[in-house]
């Protein structure tokens, strides 16, 4: 199923916000744990953890932040795939090629951000829109017909 551009933008921005917030949370938790003396150091190496409730809670918070970072990264990947699937059916393949090449060259985040800002929406509805001028206002075609009735058909009724 092809995602609409609006959904791709929501997934991308939500994942980006989650990634930044979790990164800040992880950094704060680790700095607080290190400053309270939770880590047992041997030179530059961490060789143990002091069994302190505050320290364990900070390490658990940092672990939770890492899980959110992983989930947000998956969301960014889904947004990139959605952007590629959205642009694959366009007549002009430029956006698709840019998204594909950027993802394969490990700059998928940047090309997806560019698509979110300036890319086209390649979504096509399953049912073509009805031409407003083809039928008389207030009249609907009989059930079971595929095409709207013409004015000549409506005149004989």
C-alpha atoms as a PDB file:
ATOM      1  CA  UNK A   1       0.000   0.000   0.000  1.00  0.00           C
ATOM      2  CA  UNK A   2       1.301   3.404  -0.925  1.00  0.00           C
ATOM      3  CA  UNK A   3       1.504   5.988   1.828  1.00  0.00           C
ATOM      4  CA  UNK A   4       0.292   9.506   1.180  1.00  0.00           C
ATOM      5  CA  UNK A   5       2.876  12.246   1.510  1.00  0.00           C
ATOM      6  CA  UNK A   6       1.041  13.633   4.555  1.00  0.00           C
ATOM      7  CA  UNK A   7       1.530  10.301   6.357  1.00  0.00           C
ATOM      8  CA  UNK A   8       5.193  10.148   5.316  1.00  0.00           C
ATOM      9  CA  UNK A   9       5.707  13.647   6.743  1.00  0.00           C
ATOM     10  CA  UNK A  10       4.025  12.642  10.028  1.00  0.00           C
ATOM     11  CA  UNK A  11       6.120   9.481  10.373  1.00  0.00           C
ATOM     12  CA  UNK A  12       9.324  11.353   9.499  1.00  0.00           C
ATOM     13  CA  UNK A  13       8.732  14.289  11.845  1.00  0.00           C
ATOM     14  CA  UNK A  14       7.467  12.080  14.692  1.00  0.00           C
ATOM     15  CA  UNK A  15      10.489   9.813  14.393  1.00  0.00           C
ATOM     16  CA  UNK A  16      12.836  12.787  14.200  1.00  0.00           C
ATOM     17  CA  UNK A  17      11.336  14.320  17.352  1.00  0.00           C
ATOM     18  CA  UNK A  18      11.557  10.951  19.120  1.00  0.00           C
ATOM     19  CA  UNK A  19      15.172  10.496  18.042  1.00  0.00           C
ATOM     20  CA  UNK A  20      16.265  13.916  19.288  1.00  0.00           C
ATOM     21  CA  UNK A  21      14.327  13.658  22.573  1.00  0.00           C
ATOM     22  CA  UNK A  22      15.670  10.177  23.299  1.00  0.00           C
ATOM     23  CA  UNK A  23      19.221  11.272  22.490  1.00  0.00           C
ATOM     24  CA  UNK A  24      18.958  14.168  24.937  1.00  0.00           C
ATOM     25  CA  UNK A  25      17.381  11.908  27.582  1.00  0.00           C
ATOM     26  CA  UNK A  26      20.128   9.311  27.182  1.00  0.00           C
ATOM     27  CA  UNK A  27      22.884  11.914  27.429  1.00  0.00           C
ATOM     28  CA  UNK A  28      21.355  13.531  30.545  1.00  0.00           C
ATOM     29  CA  UNK A  29      20.856  10.175  32.255  1.00  0.00           C
ATOM     30  CA  UNK A  30      24.426   9.067  31.571  1.00  0.00           C
ATOM     31  CA  UNK A  31      25.906  12.410  32.683  1.00  0.00           C
ATOM     32  CA  UNK A  32      23.878  12.296  35.912  1.00  0.00           C
ATOM     33  CA  UNK A  33      24.952   8.703  36.525  1.00  0.00           C
ATOM     34  CA  UNK A  34      28.610   9.518  35.885  1.00  0.00           C
ATOM     35  CA  UNK A  35      28.559  12.659  38.028  1.00  0.00           C
ATOM     36  CA  UNK A  36      27.013  10.823  40.982  1.00  0.00           C
ATOM     37  CA  UNK A  37      29.823   8.260  40.974  1.00  0.00           C
ATOM     38  CA  UNK A  38      27.797   5.278  39.776  1.00  0.00           C
ATOM     39  CA  UNK A  39      30.533   3.962  37.493  1.00  0.00           C
ATOM     40  CA  UNK A  40      33.612   2.260  38.983  1.00  0.00           C
ATOM     41  CA  UNK A  41      36.526   3.448  36.889  1.00  0.00           C
ATOM     42  CA  UNK A  42      39.970   1.948  36.295  1.00  0.00           C
ATOM     43  CA  UNK A  43      41.690   4.667  34.334  1.00  0.00           C
ATOM     44  CA  UNK A  44      39.493   5.410  31.293  1.00  0.00           C
ATOM     45  CA  UNK A  45      37.660   2.079  31.556  1.00  0.00           C
ATOM     46  CA  UNK A  46      34.380   1.404  33.335  1.00  0.00           C
ATOM     47  CA  UNK A  47      34.926  -1.789  35.315  1.00  0.00           C
ATOM     48  CA  UNK A  48      31.782  -1.851  37.423  1.00  0.00           C
ATOM     49  CA  UNK A  49      28.651  -0.179  38.668  1.00  0.00           C
ATOM     50  CA  UNK A  50      27.968   0.787  42.270  1.00  0.00           C
ATOM     51  CA  UNK A  51      24.637  -0.642  43.471  1.00  0.00           C
ATOM     52  CA  UNK A  52      22.937   2.698  44.042  1.00  0.00           C
ATOM     53  CA  UNK A  53      19.164   3.096  43.401  1.00  0.00           C
ATOM     54  CA  UNK A  54      19.716   6.465  41.706  1.00  0.00           C
ATOM     55  CA  UNK A  55      22.426   5.004  39.487  1.00  0.00           C
ATOM     56  CA  UNK A  56      20.336   2.013  38.476  1.00  0.00           C
ATOM     57  CA  UNK A  57      17.383   4.252  37.685  1.00  0.00           C
ATOM     58  CA  UNK A  58      19.596   6.467  35.506  1.00  0.00           C
ATOM     59  CA  UNK A  59      20.964   3.416  33.696  1.00  0.00           C
ATOM     60  CA  UNK A  60      17.409   2.112  33.184  1.00  0.00           C
ATOM     61  CA  UNK A  61      16.385   5.518  31.833  1.00  0.00           C
ATOM     62  CA  UNK A  62      19.357   5.480  29.451  1.00  0.00           C
ATOM     63  CA  UNK A  63      18.401   1.960  28.347  1.00  0.00           C
ATOM     64  CA  UNK A  64      14.831   3.091  27.671  1.00  0.00           C
ATOM     65  CA  UNK A  65      16.180   6.028  25.652  1.00  0.00           C
ATOM     66  CA  UNK A  66      18.245   3.640  23.546  1.00  0.00           C
ATOM     67  CA  UNK A  67      15.102   1.599  22.788  1.00  0.00           C
ATOM     68  CA  UNK A  68      13.308   4.784  21.714  1.00  0.00           C
ATOM     69  CA  UNK A  69      16.277   5.694  19.501  1.00  0.00           C
ATOM     70  CA  UNK A  70      16.064   2.279  17.808  1.00  0.00           C
ATOM     71  CA  UNK A  71      12.285   2.643  17.288  1.00  0.00           C
ATOM     72  CA  UNK A  72      12.690   6.186  15.916  1.00  0.00           C
ATOM     73  CA  UNK A  73      15.396   4.984  13.542  1.00  0.00           C
ATOM     74  CA  UNK A  74      12.992   2.333  12.259  1.00  0.00           C
ATOM     75  CA  UNK A  75      10.388   5.062  11.775  1.00  0.00           C
ATOM     76  CA  UNK A  76      12.831   7.100   9.697  1.00  0.00           C
ATOM     77  CA  UNK A  77      13.540   3.999   7.611  1.00  0.00           C
ATOM     78  CA  UNK A  78       9.794   3.452   7.089  1.00  0.00           C
ATOM     79  CA  UNK A  79       9.427   7.087   5.993  1.00  0.00           C
ATOM     80  CA  UNK A  80      12.254   6.618   3.462  1.00  0.00           C
ATOM     81  CA  UNK A  81      10.656   3.433   2.070  1.00  0.00           C
ATOM     82  CA  UNK A  82       7.267   5.182   1.961  1.00  0.00           C
ATOM     83  CA  UNK A  83       8.763   8.118   0.057  1.00  0.00           C
ATOM     84  CA  UNK A  84      10.305   5.766  -2.490  1.00  0.00           C
ATOM     85  CA  UNK A  85       7.048   3.854  -2.961  1.00  0.00           C
ATOM     86  CA  UNK A  86       5.175   7.146  -3.273  1.00  0.00           C
ATOM     87  CA  UNK A  87       7.434   8.383  -6.076  1.00  0.00           C
ATOM     88  CA  UNK A  88       7.976   5.159  -8.029  1.00  0.00           C
ATOM     89  CA  UNK A  89       4.798   5.610 -10.123  1.00  0.00           C
ATOM     90  CA  UNK A  90       5.445   9.226 -11.082  1.00  0.00           C
ATOM     91  CA  UNK A  91       6.159   9.922 -14.746  1.00  0.00           C
ATOM     92  CA  UNK A  92       9.304  11.830 -13.787  1.00  0.00           C
ATOM     93  CA  UNK A  93      11.576   9.354 -11.960  1.00  0.00           C
ATOM     94  CA  UNK A  94      13.960  11.998 -10.588  1.00  0.00           C
ATOM     95  CA  UNK A  95      12.663  11.899  -6.992  1.00  0.00           C
ATOM     96  CA  UNK A  96      12.636   8.104  -6.958  1.00  0.00           C
ATOM     97  CA  UNK A  97      16.223   7.890  -8.240  1.00  0.00           C
ATOM     98  CA  UNK A  98      17.415  10.537  -5.769  1.00  0.00           C
ATOM     99  CA  UNK A  99      15.716   8.757  -2.846  1.00  0.00           C
ATOM    100  CA  UNK A 100      17.047   5.349  -3.892  1.00  0.00           C
ATOM    101  CA  UNK A 101      20.608   6.529  -4.538  1.00  0.00           C
ATOM    102  CA  UNK A 102      20.660   8.600  -1.348  1.00  0.00           C
ATOM    103  CA  UNK A 103      19.494   5.640   0.721  1.00  0.00           C
ATOM    104  CA  UNK A 104      22.052   3.322  -0.843  1.00  0.00           C
ATOM    105  CA  UNK A 105      24.786   5.903  -0.209  1.00  0.00           C
ATOM    106  CA  UNK A 106      23.787   6.159   3.479  1.00  0.00           C
ATOM    107  CA  UNK A 107      22.310   9.636   3.270  1.00  0.00           C
ATOM    108  CA  UNK A 108      18.717   8.437   3.301  1.00  0.00           C
ATOM    109  CA  UNK A 109      17.879  10.783   6.147  1.00  0.00           C
ATOM    110  CA  UNK A 110      18.948  13.824   4.122  1.00  0.00           C
ATOM    111  CA  UNK A 111      17.139  12.865   0.921  1.00  0.00           C
ATOM    112  CA  UNK A 112      14.000  11.945   2.875  1.00  0.00           C
ATOM    113  CA  UNK A 113      14.161  15.338   4.595  1.00  0.00           C
ATOM    114  CA  UNK A 114      14.456  16.965   1.159  1.00  0.00           C
ATOM    115  CA  UNK A 115      11.443  14.954  -0.042  1.00  0.00           C
ATOM    116  CA  UNK A 116       9.432  15.985   3.026  1.00  0.00           C
ATOM    117  CA  UNK A 117      10.213  19.639   2.318  1.00  0.00           C
ATOM    118  CA  UNK A 118       9.873  19.781  -1.469  1.00  0.00           C
ATOM    119  CA  UNK A 119       8.849  16.395  -2.897  1.00  0.00           C
ATOM    120  CA  UNK A 120       5.701  15.652  -4.879  1.00  0.00           C
ATOM    121  CA  UNK A 121       2.854  13.462  -3.695  1.00  0.00           C
ATOM    122  CA  UNK A 122       2.663  10.451  -5.984  1.00  0.00           C
ATOM    123  CA  UNK A 123      -0.457   9.016  -4.358  1.00  0.00           C
ATOM    124  CA  UNK A 124      -3.268   8.256  -6.768  1.00  0.00           C
ATOM    125  CA  UNK A 125      -6.735   7.495  -5.481  1.00  0.00           C
ATOM    126  CA  UNK A 126      -8.126   4.074  -6.410  1.00  0.00           C
ATOM    127  CA  UNK A 127     -11.326   5.574  -7.845  1.00  0.00           C
ATOM    128  CA  UNK A 128     -10.975   8.392 -10.368  1.00  0.00           C
ATOM    129  CA  UNK A 129     -12.757  11.583  -9.369  1.00  0.00           C
ATOM    130  CA  UNK A 130     -16.190  12.156 -10.887  1.00  0.00           C
ATOM    131  CA  UNK A 131     -16.450  15.029 -13.316  1.00  0.00           C
ATOM    132  CA  UNK A 132     -18.843  17.524 -11.765  1.00  0.00           C
ATOM    133  CA  UNK A 133     -20.180  18.641 -15.158  1.00  0.00           C
ATOM    134  CA  UNK A 134     -21.050  15.193 -16.515  1.00  0.00           C
ATOM    135  CA  UNK A 135     -24.227  14.661 -14.466  1.00  0.00           C
ATOM    136  CA  UNK A 136     -27.078  16.926 -13.494  1.00  0.00           C
ATOM    137  CA  UNK A 137     -26.968  18.171  -9.918  1.00  0.00           C
ATOM    138  CA  UNK A 138     -28.974  16.122  -7.437  1.00  0.00           C
ATOM    139  CA  UNK A 139     -29.360  13.094  -9.748  1.00  0.00           C
ATOM    140  CA  UNK A 140     -27.435   9.912  -9.164  1.00  0.00           C
ATOM    141  CA  UNK A 141     -27.007   7.035 -11.590  1.00  0.00           C
ATOM    142  CA  UNK A 142     -29.072   3.919 -10.923  1.00  0.00           C
ATOM    143  CA  UNK A 143     -27.438   1.218  -8.780  1.00  0.00           C
ATOM    144  CA  UNK A 144     -25.262  -1.217 -10.665  1.00  0.00           C
ATOM    145  CA  UNK A 145     -24.117   1.192 -13.384  1.00  0.00           C
ATOM    146  CA  UNK A 146     -20.445   1.928 -13.834  1.00  0.00           C
ATOM    147  CA  UNK A 147     -20.694   5.236 -15.616  1.00  0.00           C
ATOM    148  CA  UNK A 148     -22.682   8.356 -14.807  1.00  0.00           C
ATOM    149  CA  UNK A 149     -25.852   8.797 -16.835  1.00  0.00           C
ATOM    150  CA  UNK A 150     -25.743  11.310 -19.646  1.00  0.00           C
ATOM    151  CA  UNK A 151     -28.219  14.148 -19.990  1.00  0.00           C
ATOM    152  CA  UNK A 152     -30.024  12.305 -22.822  1.00  0.00           C
ATOM    153  CA  UNK A 153     -30.550   9.265 -20.577  1.00  0.00           C
ATOM    154  CA  UNK A 154     -31.858  11.474 -17.800  1.00  0.00           C
ATOM    155  CA  UNK A 155     -34.312  13.200 -20.192  1.00  0.00           C
ATOM    156  CA  UNK A 156     -36.020   9.842 -21.054  1.00  0.00           C
ATOM    157  CA  UNK A 157     -36.762   9.030 -17.411  1.00  0.00           C
END
